[in-house]
Amino acid sequence: MNKYIKKFPQSPDFEHNDFFKGYYLSDGKLGIEVDYIDMMIGHQYYQKETESIHIYYILEGKGSANINGETYEISRGDTIEIPINTEFAFKGNLKMIEIMNPPFNPNTHIDTRKNDL
């Protein structure tokens, strides 16, 4: 494996039932995490991160995002910035790049309530 060039993973690194599949595009060693997300339905729950910001870039598809109680229509070409301690959820069939700073930590991730989008 090359230390500078990463190949797209053969199978998902994480997935949540039939809602979405995720693939690590970076190893987090540079202080950020980059993932490819193949979202078939959306998030099952609203979520909040107490230490990480999220930036999503929509590659394909369209759907909805609820961020801090406001709903937005999202589609290819949109960039979505989620600050720390901001509740959010997505719904739709979307392919996107996710950047987290710092990388995901299950101890700072909170599922707040069922997604009602």
PDB file of N, CA and C in Angstrom:
ATOM      1  N   MET A   1       0.845  -1.184   0.000  1.00  0.00           N
ATOM      2  CA  MET A   1       0.000   0.000   0.000  1.00  0.00           C
ATOM      3  C   MET A   1       0.889   1.246   0.000  1.00  0.00           C
ATOM      4  N   ASN A   2       0.583   2.173  -0.835  1.00  0.00           N
ATOM      5  CA  ASN A   2       1.304   3.424  -0.956  1.00  0.00           C
ATOM      6  C   ASN A   2       0.913   4.353   0.188  1.00  0.00           C
ATOM      7  N   LYS A   3       1.862   5.043   0.791  1.00  0.00           N
ATOM      8  CA  LYS A   3       1.516   5.921   1.907  1.00  0.00           C
ATOM      9  C   LYS A   3       0.887   7.233   1.457  1.00  0.00           C
ATOM     10  N   TYR A   4       0.912   7.540   0.160  1.00  0.00           N
ATOM     11  CA  TYR A   4       0.326   8.776  -0.341  1.00  0.00           C
ATOM     12  C   TYR A   4      -0.946   8.562  -1.155  1.00  0.00           C
ATOM     13  N   ILE A   5      -1.060   7.436  -1.814  1.00  0.00           N
ATOM     14  CA  ILE A   5      -2.201   7.154  -2.685  1.00  0.00           C
ATOM     15  C   ILE A   5      -3.018   6.032  -2.068  1.00  0.00           C
ATOM     16  N   LYS A   6      -4.279   6.293  -1.830  1.00  0.00           N
ATOM     17  CA  LYS A   6      -5.180   5.285  -1.254  1.00  0.00           C
ATOM     18  C   LYS A   6      -6.130   4.802  -2.349  1.00  0.00           C
ATOM     19  N   LYS A   7      -6.365   3.521  -2.395  1.00  0.00           N
ATOM     20  CA  LYS A   7      -7.309   2.930  -3.337  1.00  0.00           C
ATOM     21  C   LYS A   7      -8.694   2.862  -2.696  1.00  0.00           C
ATOM     22  N   PHE A   8      -9.725   2.974  -3.517  1.00  0.00           N
ATOM     23  CA  PHE A   8     -11.098   2.899  -3.008  1.00  0.00           C
ATOM     24  C   PHE A   8     -11.315   1.498  -2.426  1.00  0.00           C
ATOM     25  N   PRO A   9     -11.880   1.411  -1.215  1.00  0.00           N
ATOM     26  CA  PRO A   9     -12.066   0.102  -0.571  1.00  0.00           C
ATOM     27  C   PRO A   9     -12.974  -0.833  -1.380  1.00  0.00           C
ATOM     28  N   GLN A  10     -12.697  -2.114  -1.296  1.00  0.00           N
ATOM     29  CA  GLN A  10     -13.484  -3.135  -1.996  1.00  0.00           C
ATOM     30  C   GLN A  10     -14.877  -3.308  -1.390  1.00  0.00           C
ATOM     31  N   SER A  11     -14.988  -3.107  -0.088  1.00  0.00           N
ATOM     32  CA  SER A  11     -16.275  -3.277   0.599  1.00  0.00           C
ATOM     33  C   SER A  11     -16.422  -2.157   1.632  1.00  0.00           C
ATOM     34  N   PRO A  12     -17.649  -1.900   2.078  1.00  0.00           N
ATOM     35  CA  PRO A  12     -17.863  -0.801   3.031  1.00  0.00           C
ATOM     36  C   PRO A  12     -17.077  -1.000   4.322  1.00  0.00           C
ATOM     37  N   ASP A  13     -16.607   0.098   4.879  1.00  0.00           N
ATOM     38  CA  ASP A  13     -15.926   0.071   6.172  1.00  0.00           C
ATOM     39  C   ASP A  13     -16.923   0.206   7.315  1.00  0.00           C
ATOM     40  N   PHE A  14     -18.076   0.799   7.031  1.00  0.00           N
ATOM     41  CA  PHE A  14     -19.141   0.903   8.024  1.00  0.00           C
ATOM     42  C   PHE A  14     -20.459   1.010   7.279  1.00  0.00           C
ATOM     43  N   GLU A  15     -21.515   0.498   7.884  1.00  0.00           N
ATOM     44  CA  GLU A  15     -22.842   0.599   7.278  1.00  0.00           C
ATOM     45  C   GLU A  15     -23.909   0.521   8.348  1.00  0.00           C
ATOM     46  N   HIS A  16     -25.055   1.032   8.007  1.00  0.00           N
ATOM     47  CA  HIS A  16     -26.167   1.038   8.945  1.00  0.00           C
ATOM     48  C   HIS A  16     -27.389   0.471   8.237  1.00  0.00           C
ATOM     49  N   ASN A  17     -27.626  -0.831   8.461  1.00  0.00           N
ATOM     50  CA  ASN A  17     -28.762  -1.539   7.835  1.00  0.00           C
ATOM     51  C   ASN A  17     -28.831  -1.201   6.355  1.00  0.00           C
ATOM     52  N   ASP A  18     -30.007  -0.831   5.872  1.00  0.00           N
ATOM     53  CA  ASP A  18     -30.165  -0.455   4.467  1.00  0.00           C
ATOM     54  C   ASP A  18     -30.198   1.058   4.292  1.00  0.00           C
ATOM     55  N   PHE A  19     -29.751   1.806   5.313  1.00  0.00           N
ATOM     56  CA  PHE A  19     -29.814   3.259   5.267  1.00  0.00           C
ATOM     57  C   PHE A  19     -28.633   3.864   4.511  1.00  0.00           C
ATOM     58  N   PHE A  20     -27.412   3.434   4.835  1.00  0.00           N
ATOM     59  CA  PHE A  20     -26.235   3.955   4.142  1.00  0.00           C
ATOM     60  C   PHE A  20     -25.040   3.023   4.341  1.00  0.00           C
ATOM     61  N   LYS A  21     -24.052   3.199   3.444  1.00  0.00           N
ATOM     62  CA  LYS A  21     -22.770   2.503   3.522  1.00  0.00           C
ATOM     63  C   LYS A  21     -21.679   3.556   3.450  1.00  0.00           C
ATOM     64  N   GLY A  22     -20.599   3.327   4.193  1.00  0.00           N
ATOM     65  CA  GLY A  22     -19.503   4.288   4.194  1.00  0.00           C
ATOM     66  C   GLY A  22     -18.169   3.619   3.912  1.00  0.00           C
ATOM     67  N   TYR A  23     -17.308   4.372   3.262  1.00  0.00           N
ATOM     68  CA  TYR A  23     -15.986   3.889   2.872  1.00  0.00           C
ATOM     69  C   TYR A  23     -14.948   4.912   3.324  1.00  0.00           C
ATOM     70  N   TYR A  24     -13.956   4.480   4.086  1.00  0.00           N
ATOM     71  CA  TYR A  24     -12.891   5.386   4.512  1.00  0.00           C
ATOM     72  C   TYR A  24     -11.988   5.705   3.325  1.00  0.00           C
ATOM     73  N   LEU A  25     -11.811   6.986   3.048  1.00  0.00           N
ATOM     74  CA  LEU A  25     -10.900   7.416   1.987  1.00  0.00           C
ATOM     75  C   LEU A  25      -9.588   7.916   2.565  1.00  0.00           C
ATOM     76  N   SER A  26      -9.541   8.064   3.879  1.00  0.00           N
ATOM     77  CA  SER A  26      -8.301   8.458   4.563  1.00  0.00           C
ATOM     78  C   SER A  26      -8.214   7.687   5.873  1.00  0.00           C
ATOM     79  N   ASP A  27      -7.039   7.699   6.462  1.00  0.00           N
ATOM     80  CA  ASP A  27      -6.860   6.946   7.701  1.00  0.00           C
ATOM     81  C   ASP A  27      -6.925   7.825   8.943  1.00  0.00           C
ATOM     82  N   GLY A  28      -7.172   9.111   8.795  1.00  0.00           N
ATOM     83  CA  GLY A  28      -7.294  10.007   9.936  1.00  0.00           C
ATOM     84  C   GLY A  28      -5.978  10.475  10.529  1.00  0.00           C
ATOM     85  N   LYS A  29      -4.869  10.005  10.009  1.00  0.00           N
ATOM     86  CA  LYS A  29      -3.567  10.348  10.583  1.00  0.00           C
ATOM     87  C   LYS A  29      -3.200  11.822  10.408  1.00  0.00           C
ATOM     88  N   LEU A  30      -3.844  12.499   9.461  1.00  0.00           N
ATOM     89  CA  LEU A  30      -3.559  13.921   9.242  1.00  0.00           C
ATOM     90  C   LEU A  30      -4.496  14.818  10.059  1.00  0.00           C
ATOM     91  N   GLY A  31      -5.308  14.214  10.922  1.00  0.00           N
ATOM     92  CA  GLY A  31      -6.198  14.993  11.785  1.00  0.00           C
ATOM     93  C   GLY A  31      -7.583  15.212  11.238  1.00  0.00           C
ATOM     94  N   ILE A  32      -7.839  14.708  10.028  1.00  0.00           N
ATOM     95  CA  ILE A  32      -9.181  14.766   9.450  1.00  0.00           C
ATOM     96  C   ILE A  32      -9.553  13.371   8.950  1.00  0.00           C
ATOM     97  N   GLU A  33     -10.850  13.160   8.787  1.00  0.00           N
ATOM     98  CA  GLU A  33     -11.334  11.915   8.201  1.00  0.00           C
ATOM     99  C   GLU A  33     -12.087  12.266   6.929  1.00  0.00           C
ATOM    100  N   VAL A  34     -11.823  11.515   5.865  1.00  0.00           N
ATOM    101  CA  VAL A  34     -12.528  11.695   4.601  1.00  0.00           C
ATOM    102  C   VAL A  34     -13.190  10.373   4.264  1.00  0.00           C
ATOM    103  N   ASP A  35     -14.509  10.431   4.016  1.00  0.00           N
ATOM    104  CA  ASP A  35     -15.292   9.232   3.727  1.00  0.00           C
ATOM    105  C   ASP A  35     -16.119   9.436   2.469  1.00  0.00           C
ATOM    106  N   TYR A  36     -16.415   8.339   1.808  1.00  0.00           N
ATOM    107  CA  TYR A  36     -17.405   8.316   0.742  1.00  0.00           C
ATOM    108  C   TYR A  36     -18.652   7.676   1.341  1.00  0.00           C
ATOM    109  N   ILE A  37     -19.790   8.349   1.240  1.00  0.00           N
ATOM    110  CA  ILE A  37     -21.045   7.858   1.793  1.00  0.00           C
ATOM    111  C   ILE A  37     -22.011   7.567   0.652  1.00  0.00           C
ATOM    112  N   ASP A  38     -22.510   6.346   0.617  1.00  0.00           N
ATOM    113  CA  ASP A  38     -23.551   5.944  -0.326  1.00  0.00           C
ATOM    114  C   ASP A  38     -24.830   5.811   0.498  1.00  0.00           C
ATOM    115  N   MET A  39     -25.641   6.860   0.470  1.00  0.00           N
ATOM    116  CA  MET A  39     -26.846   6.915   1.287  1.00  0.00           C
ATOM    117  C   MET A  39     -28.030   6.461   0.448  1.00  0.00           C
ATOM    118  N   MET A  40     -28.620   5.342   0.834  1.00  0.00           N
ATOM    119  CA  MET A  40     -29.746   4.795   0.080  1.00  0.00           C
ATOM    120  C   MET A  40     -31.072   5.412   0.519  1.00  0.00           C
ATOM    121  N   ILE A  41     -31.240   5.636   1.809  1.00  0.00           N
ATOM    122  CA  ILE A  41     -32.500   6.162   2.356  1.00  0.00           C
ATOM    123  C   ILE A  41     -32.261   7.459   3.122  1.00  0.00           C
ATOM    124  N   GLY A  42     -31.249   7.471   3.953  1.00  0.00           N
ATOM    125  CA  GLY A  42     -30.958   8.610   4.818  1.00  0.00           C
ATOM    126  C   GLY A  42     -30.504   8.108   6.168  1.00  0.00           C
ATOM    127  N   HIS A  43     -30.325   9.032   7.090  1.00  0.00           N
ATOM    128  CA  HIS A  43     -29.979   8.646   8.459  1.00  0.00           C
ATOM    129  C   HIS A  43     -31.199   8.048   9.144  1.00  0.00           C
ATOM    130  N   GLN A  44     -30.993   7.091  10.006  1.00  0.00           N
ATOM    131  CA  GLN A  44     -32.099   6.546  10.793  1.00  0.00           C
ATOM    132  C   GLN A  44     -32.433   7.500  11.939  1.00  0.00           C
ATOM    133  N   TYR A  45     -31.419   8.171  12.471  1.00  0.00           N
ATOM    134  CA  TYR A  45     -31.592   9.081  13.605  1.00  0.00           C
ATOM    135  C   TYR A  45     -30.945  10.436  13.312  1.00  0.00           C
ATOM    136  N   TYR A  46     -31.467  11.473  13.919  1.00  0.00           N
ATOM    137  CA  TYR A  46     -30.757  12.746  13.966  1.00  0.00           C
ATOM    138  C   TYR A  46     -29.492  12.505  14.777  1.00  0.00           C
ATOM    139  N   GLN A  47     -28.469  13.272  14.478  1.00  0.00           N
ATOM    140  CA  GLN A  47     -27.220  13.093  15.195  1.00  0.00           C
ATOM    141  C   GLN A  47     -26.588  14.427  15.518  1.00  0.00           C
ATOM    142  N   LYS A  48     -25.662  14.375  16.452  1.00  0.00           N
ATOM    143  CA  LYS A  48     -24.925  15.557  16.889  1.00  0.00           C
ATOM    144  C   LYS A  48     -23.528  15.087  17.272  1.00  0.00           C
ATOM    145  N   GLU A  49     -22.552  15.878  16.930  1.00  0.00           N
ATOM    146  CA  GLU A  49     -21.167  15.608  17.314  1.00  0.00           C
ATOM    147  C   GLU A  49     -20.715  16.688  18.283  1.00  0.00           C
ATOM    148  N   THR A  50     -20.138  16.276  19.406  1.00  0.00           N
ATOM    149  CA  THR A  50     -19.711  17.256  20.410  1.00  0.00           C
ATOM    150  C   THR A  50     -18.282  17.751  20.198  1.00  0.00           C
ATOM    151  N   GLU A  51     -17.541  17.118  19.262  1.00  0.00           N
ATOM    152  CA  GLU A  51     -16.154  17.563  19.025  1.00  0.00           C
ATOM    153  C   GLU A  51     -15.787  17.719  17.549  1.00  0.00           C
ATOM    154  N   SER A  52     -16.582  17.191  16.636  1.00  0.00           N
ATOM    155  CA  SER A  52     -16.196  17.195  15.220  1.00  0.00           C
ATOM    156  C   SER A  52     -17.139  18.055  14.384  1.00  0.00           C
ATOM    157  N   ILE A  53     -16.536  18.748  13.424  1.00  0.00           N
ATOM    158  CA  ILE A  53     -17.342  19.398  12.394  1.00  0.00           C
ATOM    159  C   ILE A  53     -17.486  18.411  11.237  1.00  0.00           C
ATOM    160  N   HIS A  54     -18.572  18.545  10.474  1.00  0.00           N
ATOM    161  CA  HIS A  54     -18.800  17.738   9.277  1.00  0.00           C
ATOM    162  C   HIS A  54     -18.914  18.685   8.088  1.00  0.00           C
ATOM    163  N   ILE A  55     -18.299  18.302   7.001  1.00  0.00           N
ATOM    164  CA  ILE A  55     -18.517  18.972   5.723  1.00  0.00           C
ATOM    165  C   ILE A  55     -18.868  17.881   4.727  1.00  0.00           C
ATOM    166  N   TYR A  56     -20.006  18.047   4.053  1.00  0.00           N
ATOM    167  CA  TYR A  56     -20.468  17.093   3.053  1.00  0.00           C
ATOM    168  C   TYR A  56     -20.484  17.774   1.694  1.00  0.00           C
ATOM    169  N   TYR A  57     -20.041  17.056   0.671  1.00  0.00           N
ATOM    170  CA  TYR A  57     -20.167  17.515  -0.707  1.00  0.00           C
ATOM    171  C   TYR A  57     -20.992  16.474  -1.447  1.00  0.00           C
ATOM    172  N   ILE A  58     -22.124  16.893  -2.014  1.00  0.00           N
ATOM    173  CA  ILE A  58     -23.038  15.974  -2.691  1.00  0.00           C
ATOM    174  C   ILE A  58     -22.539  15.734  -4.123  1.00  0.00           C
ATOM    175  N   LEU A  59     -22.188  14.484  -4.420  1.00  0.00           N
ATOM    176  CA  LEU A  59     -21.708  14.091  -5.748  1.00  0.00           C
ATOM    177  C   LEU A  59     -22.862  13.753  -6.686  1.00  0.00           C
ATOM    178  N   GLU A  60     -23.873  13.061  -6.149  1.00  0.00           N
ATOM    179  CA  GLU A  60     -25.025  12.620  -6.947  1.00  0.00           C
ATOM    180  C   GLU A  60     -26.255  12.568  -6.059  1.00  0.00           C
ATOM    181  N   GLY A  61     -27.411  12.700  -6.693  1.00  0.00           N
ATOM    182  CA  GLY A  61     -28.674  12.492  -6.016  1.00  0.00           C
ATOM    183  C   GLY A  61     -29.294  13.765  -5.472  1.00  0.00           C
ATOM    184  N   LYS A  62     -30.411  13.552  -4.779  1.00  0.00           N
ATOM    185  CA  LYS A  62     -31.088  14.667  -4.138  1.00  0.00           C
ATOM    186  C   LYS A  62     -31.841  14.158  -2.926  1.00  0.00           C
ATOM    187  N   GLY A  63     -32.143  15.068  -2.023  1.00  0.00           N
ATOM    188  CA  GLY A  63     -32.832  14.695  -0.803  1.00  0.00           C
ATOM    189  C   GLY A  63     -33.095  15.914   0.050  1.00  0.00           C
ATOM    190  N   SER A  64     -33.223  15.667   1.352  1.00  0.00           N
ATOM    191  CA  SER A  64     -33.490  16.728   2.321  1.00  0.00           C
ATOM    192  C   SER A  64     -32.487  16.634   3.455  1.00  0.00           C
ATOM    193  N   ALA A  65     -32.208  17.792   4.044  1.00  0.00           N
ATOM    194  CA  ALA A  65     -31.386  17.869   5.246  1.00  0.00           C
ATOM    195  C   ALA A  65     -32.136  18.702   6.260  1.00  0.00           C
ATOM    196  N   ASN A  66     -32.183  18.228   7.493  1.00  0.00           N
ATOM    197  CA  ASN A  66     -32.704  19.043   8.573  1.00  0.00           C
ATOM    198  C   ASN A  66     -31.515  19.368   9.460  1.00  0.00           C
ATOM    199  N   ILE A  67     -31.245  20.668   9.596  1.00  0.00           N
ATOM    200  CA  ILE A  67     -30.103  21.143  10.367  1.00  0.00           C
ATOM    201  C   ILE A  67     -30.629  22.143  11.386  1.00  0.00           C
ATOM    202  N   ASN A  68     -30.494  21.802  12.661  1.00  0.00           N
ATOM    203  CA  ASN A  68     -30.969  22.657  13.754  1.00  0.00           C
ATOM    204  C   ASN A  68     -32.423  23.082  13.576  1.00  0.00           C
ATOM    205  N   GLY A  69     -33.266  22.124  13.132  1.00  0.00           N
ATOM    206  CA  GLY A  69     -34.698  22.387  13.033  1.00  0.00           C
ATOM    207  C   GLY A  69     -35.160  23.018  11.738  1.00  0.00           C
ATOM    208  N   GLU A  70     -34.255  23.326  10.818  1.00  0.00           N
ATOM    209  CA  GLU A  70     -34.636  23.897   9.518  1.00  0.00           C
ATOM    210  C   GLU A  70     -34.383  22.863   8.436  1.00  0.00           C
ATOM    211  N   THR A  71     -35.356  22.698   7.527  1.00  0.00           N
ATOM    212  CA  THR A  71     -35.245  21.701   6.465  1.00  0.00           C
ATOM    213  C   THR A  71     -34.835  22.372   5.155  1.00  0.00           C
ATOM    214  N   TYR A  72     -33.901  21.727   4.467  1.00  0.00           N
ATOM    215  CA  TYR A  72     -33.360  22.227   3.204  1.00  0.00           C
ATOM    216  C   TYR A  72     -33.407  21.114   2.167  1.00  0.00           C
ATOM    217  N   GLU A  73     -33.669  21.467   0.924  1.00  0.00           N
ATOM    218  CA  GLU A  73     -33.544  20.534  -0.189  1.00  0.00           C
ATOM    219  C   GLU A  73     -32.081  20.554  -0.618  1.00  0.00           C
ATOM    220  N   ILE A  74     -31.503  19.374  -0.826  1.00  0.00           N
ATOM    221  CA  ILE A  74     -30.097  19.275  -1.205  1.00  0.00           C
ATOM    222  C   ILE A  74     -29.969  18.428  -2.469  1.00  0.00           C
ATOM    223  N   SER A  75     -28.932  18.721  -3.266  1.00  0.00           N
ATOM    224  CA  SER A  75     -28.723  17.972  -4.508  1.00  0.00           C
ATOM    225  C   SER A  75     -27.269  18.103  -4.954  1.00  0.00           C
ATOM    226  N   ARG A  76     -26.966  17.431  -6.045  1.00  0.00           N
ATOM    227  CA  ARG A  76     -25.609  17.385  -6.596  1.00  0.00           C
ATOM    228  C   ARG A  76     -24.998  18.789  -6.646  1.00  0.00           C
ATOM    229  N   GLY A  77     -23.768  18.876  -6.169  1.00  0.00           N
ATOM    230  CA  GLY A  77     -23.033  20.137  -6.197  1.00  0.00           C
ATOM    231  C   GLY A  77     -23.120  20.941  -4.918  1.00  0.00           C
ATOM    232  N   ASP A  78     -24.024  20.570  -4.009  1.00  0.00           N
ATOM    233  CA  ASP A  78     -24.165  21.308  -2.749  1.00  0.00           C
ATOM    234  C   ASP A  78     -23.071  20.910  -1.755  1.00  0.00           C
ATOM    235  N   THR A  79     -22.627  21.877  -0.977  1.00  0.00           N
ATOM    236  CA  THR A  79     -21.733  21.654   0.148  1.00  0.00           C
ATOM    237  C   THR A  79     -22.508  21.987   1.412  1.00  0.00           C
ATOM    238  N   ILE A  80     -22.449  21.115   2.396  1.00  0.00           N
ATOM    239  CA  ILE A  80     -23.192  21.282   3.640  1.00  0.00           C
ATOM    240  C   ILE A  80     -22.187  21.305   4.779  1.00  0.00           C
ATOM    241  N   GLU A  81     -22.215  22.361   5.571  1.00  0.00           N
ATOM    242  CA  GLU A  81     -21.302  22.508   6.705  1.00  0.00           C
ATOM    243  C   GLU A  81     -22.096  22.349   7.999  1.00  0.00           C
ATOM    244  N   ILE A  82     -21.676  21.415   8.847  1.00  0.00           N
ATOM    245  CA  ILE A  82     -22.356  21.135  10.110  1.00  0.00           C
ATOM    246  C   ILE A  82     -21.384  21.456  11.249  1.00  0.00           C
ATOM    247  N   PRO A  83     -21.622  22.553  11.988  1.00  0.00           N
ATOM    248  CA  PRO A  83     -20.744  22.878  13.120  1.00  0.00           C
ATOM    249  C   PRO A  83     -20.890  21.890  14.273  1.00  0.00           C
ATOM    250  N   ILE A  84     -19.983  21.956  15.208  1.00  0.00           N
ATOM    251  CA  ILE A  84     -20.042  21.158  16.432  1.00  0.00           C
ATOM    252  C   ILE A  84     -21.346  21.466  17.170  1.00  0.00           C
ATOM    253  N   ASN A  85     -21.900  20.440  17.819  1.00  0.00           N
ATOM    254  CA  ASN A  85     -23.125  20.553  18.629  1.00  0.00           C
ATOM    255  C   ASN A  85     -24.344  21.005  17.833  1.00  0.00           C
ATOM    256  N   THR A  86     -24.407  20.621  16.558  1.00  0.00           N
ATOM    257  CA  THR A  86     -25.539  20.958  15.707  1.00  0.00           C
ATOM    258  C   THR A  86     -26.265  19.671  15.342  1.00  0.00           C
ATOM    259  N   GLU A  87     -27.552  19.595  15.652  1.00  0.00           N
ATOM    260  CA  GLU A  87     -28.350  18.405  15.349  1.00  0.00           C
ATOM    261  C   GLU A  87     -28.688  18.400  13.857  1.00  0.00           C
ATOM    262  N   PHE A  88     -28.522  17.212  13.213  1.00  0.00           N
ATOM    263  CA  PHE A  88     -28.817  17.122  11.779  1.00  0.00           C
ATOM    264  C   PHE A  88     -29.193  15.707  11.383  1.00  0.00           C
ATOM    265  N   ALA A  89     -29.886  15.620  10.250  1.00  0.00           N
ATOM    266  CA  ALA A  89     -30.197  14.335   9.622  1.00  0.00           C
ATOM    267  C   ALA A  89     -30.435  14.581   8.137  1.00  0.00           C
ATOM    268  N   PHE A  90     -30.151  13.561   7.329  1.00  0.00           N
ATOM    269  CA  PHE A  90     -30.399  13.596   5.893  1.00  0.00           C
ATOM    270  C   PHE A  90     -31.430  12.540   5.531  1.00  0.00           C
ATOM    271  N   LYS A  91     -32.124  12.786   4.433  1.00  0.00           N
ATOM    272  CA  LYS A  91     -33.017  11.790   3.839  1.00  0.00           C
ATOM    273  C   LYS A  91     -32.832  11.880   2.334  1.00  0.00           C
ATOM    274  N   GLY A  92     -32.786  10.725   1.678  1.00  0.00           N
ATOM    275  CA  GLY A  92     -32.674  10.721   0.227  1.00  0.00           C
ATOM    276  C   GLY A  92     -31.674   9.706  -0.260  1.00  0.00           C
ATOM    277  N   ASN A  93     -31.578   9.619  -1.566  1.00  0.00           N
ATOM    278  CA  ASN A  93     -30.615   8.753  -2.227  1.00  0.00           C
ATOM    279  C   ASN A  93     -29.473   9.656  -2.661  1.00  0.00           C
ATOM    280  N   LEU A  94     -28.362   9.609  -1.930  1.00  0.00           N
ATOM    281  CA  LEU A  94     -27.257  10.543  -2.127  1.00  0.00           C
ATOM    282  C   LEU A  94     -25.922   9.821  -2.131  1.00  0.00           C
ATOM    283  N   LYS A  95     -25.028  10.292  -2.958  1.00  0.00           N
ATOM    284  CA  LYS A  95     -23.632   9.867  -2.920  1.00  0.00           C
ATOM    285  C   LYS A  95     -22.844  11.120  -2.578  1.00  0.00           C
ATOM    286  N   MET A  96     -22.002  11.028  -1.523  1.00  0.00           N
ATOM    287  CA  MET A  96     -21.336  12.231  -1.063  1.00  0.00           C
ATOM    288  C   MET A  96     -19.978  11.941  -0.444  1.00  0.00           C
ATOM    289  N   ILE A  97     -19.187  12.974  -0.397  1.00  0.00           N
ATOM    290  CA  ILE A  97     -17.919  12.957   0.320  1.00  0.00           C
ATOM    291  C   ILE A  97     -18.172  13.641   1.661  1.00  0.00           C
ATOM    292  N   GLU A  98     -17.678  13.023   2.734  1.00  0.00           N
ATOM    293  CA  GLU A  98     -17.798  13.601   4.076  1.00  0.00           C
ATOM    294  C   GLU A  98     -16.394  13.847   4.617  1.00  0.00           C
ATOM    295  N   ILE A  99     -16.187  15.032   5.172  1.00  0.00           N
ATOM    296  CA  ILE A  99     -14.929  15.373   5.836  1.00  0.00           C
ATOM    297  C   ILE A  99     -15.267  15.691   7.283  1.00  0.00           C
ATOM    298  N   MET A 100     -14.555  15.048   8.198  1.00  0.00           N
ATOM    299  CA  MET A 100     -14.749  15.308   9.630  1.00  0.00           C
ATOM    300  C   MET A 100     -13.430  15.774  10.237  1.00  0.00           C
ATOM    301  N   ASN A 101     -13.531  16.792  11.084  1.00  0.00           N
ATOM    302  CA  ASN A 101     -12.363  17.317  11.775  1.00  0.00           C
ATOM    303  C   ASN A 101     -12.744  17.593  13.220  1.00  0.00           C
ATOM    304  N   PRO A 102     -12.154  16.890  14.192  1.00  0.00           N
ATOM    305  CA  PRO A 102     -11.270  15.739  14.059  1.00  0.00           C
ATOM    306  C   PRO A 102     -12.030  14.503  13.582  1.00  0.00           C
ATOM    307  N   PRO A 103     -11.307  13.397  13.321  1.00  0.00           N
ATOM    308  CA  PRO A 103     -11.953  12.167  12.852  1.00  0.00           C
ATOM    309  C   PRO A 103     -13.027  11.670  13.825  1.00  0.00           C
ATOM    310  N   PHE A 104     -13.905  10.827  13.304  1.00  0.00           N
ATOM    311  CA  PHE A 104     -15.025  10.279  14.075  1.00  0.00           C
ATOM    312  C   PHE A 104     -14.544   9.627  15.368  1.00  0.00           C
ATOM    313  N   ASN A 105     -15.273   9.910  16.443  1.00  0.00           N
ATOM    314  CA  ASN A 105     -15.024   9.303  17.741  1.00  0.00           C
ATOM    315  C   ASN A 105     -16.382   8.877  18.292  1.00  0.00           C
ATOM    316  N   PRO A 106     -16.631   7.582  18.464  1.00  0.00           N
ATOM    317  CA  PRO A 106     -17.945   7.142  18.949  1.00  0.00           C
ATOM    318  C   PRO A 106     -18.319   7.724  20.308  1.00  0.00           C
ATOM    319  N   ASN A 107     -17.336   8.163  21.081  1.00  0.00           N
ATOM    320  CA  ASN A 107     -17.618   8.740  22.401  1.00  0.00           C
ATOM    321  C   ASN A 107     -18.144  10.169  22.332  1.00  0.00           C
ATOM    322  N   THR A 108     -18.025  10.822  21.160  1.00  0.00           N
ATOM    323  CA  THR A 108     -18.518  12.193  21.020  1.00  0.00           C
ATOM    324  C   THR A 108     -19.698  12.283  20.060  1.00  0.00           C
ATOM    325  N   HIS A 109     -20.186  11.141  19.616  1.00  0.00           N
ATOM    326  CA  HIS A 109     -21.330  11.051  18.696  1.00  0.00           C
ATOM    327  C   HIS A 109     -22.600  10.767  19.495  1.00  0.00           C
ATOM    328  N   ILE A 110     -23.666  11.523  19.218  1.00  0.00           N
ATOM    329  CA  ILE A 110     -24.932  11.344  19.915  1.00  0.00           C
ATOM    330  C   ILE A 110     -26.059  11.182  18.891  1.00  0.00           C
ATOM    331  N   ASP A 111     -26.804  10.074  18.976  1.00  0.00           N
ATOM    332  CA  ASP A 111     -28.053   9.931  18.222  1.00  0.00           C
ATOM    333  C   ASP A 111     -29.132  10.557  19.097  1.00  0.00           C
ATOM    334  N   THR A 112     -29.821  11.573  18.581  1.00  0.00           N
ATOM    335  CA  THR A 112     -30.734  12.340  19.439  1.00  0.00           C
ATOM    336  C   THR A 112     -32.187  11.888  19.358  1.00  0.00           C
ATOM    337  N   ARG A 113     -32.667  11.573  18.153  1.00  0.00           N
ATOM    338  CA  ARG A 113     -34.064  11.155  17.983  1.00  0.00           C
ATOM    339  C   ARG A 113     -34.242  10.537  16.612  1.00  0.00           C
ATOM    340  N   LYS A 114     -35.338   9.829  16.408  1.00  0.00           N
ATOM    341  CA  LYS A 114     -35.620   9.167  15.133  1.00  0.00           C
ATOM    342  C   LYS A 114     -35.805  10.215  14.038  1.00  0.00           C
ATOM    343  N   ASN A 115     -35.246   9.930  12.869  1.00  0.00           N
ATOM    344  CA  ASN A 115     -35.349  10.827  11.721  1.00  0.00           C
ATOM    345  C   ASN A 115     -36.807  10.903  11.258  1.00  0.00           C
ATOM    346  N   ASP A 116     -37.372  12.100  11.218  1.00  0.00           N
ATOM    347  CA  ASP A 116     -38.762  12.304  10.810  1.00  0.00           C
ATOM    348  C   ASP A 116     -38.893  13.007   9.465  1.00  0.00           C
ATOM    349  N   LEU A 117     -37.805  13.097   8.715  1.00  0.00           N
ATOM    350  CA  LEU A 117     -37.858  13.752   7.386  1.00  0.00           C
ATOM    351  C   LEU A 117     -38.688  12.926   6.418  1.00  0.00           C
TER     352      LEU A 117
END
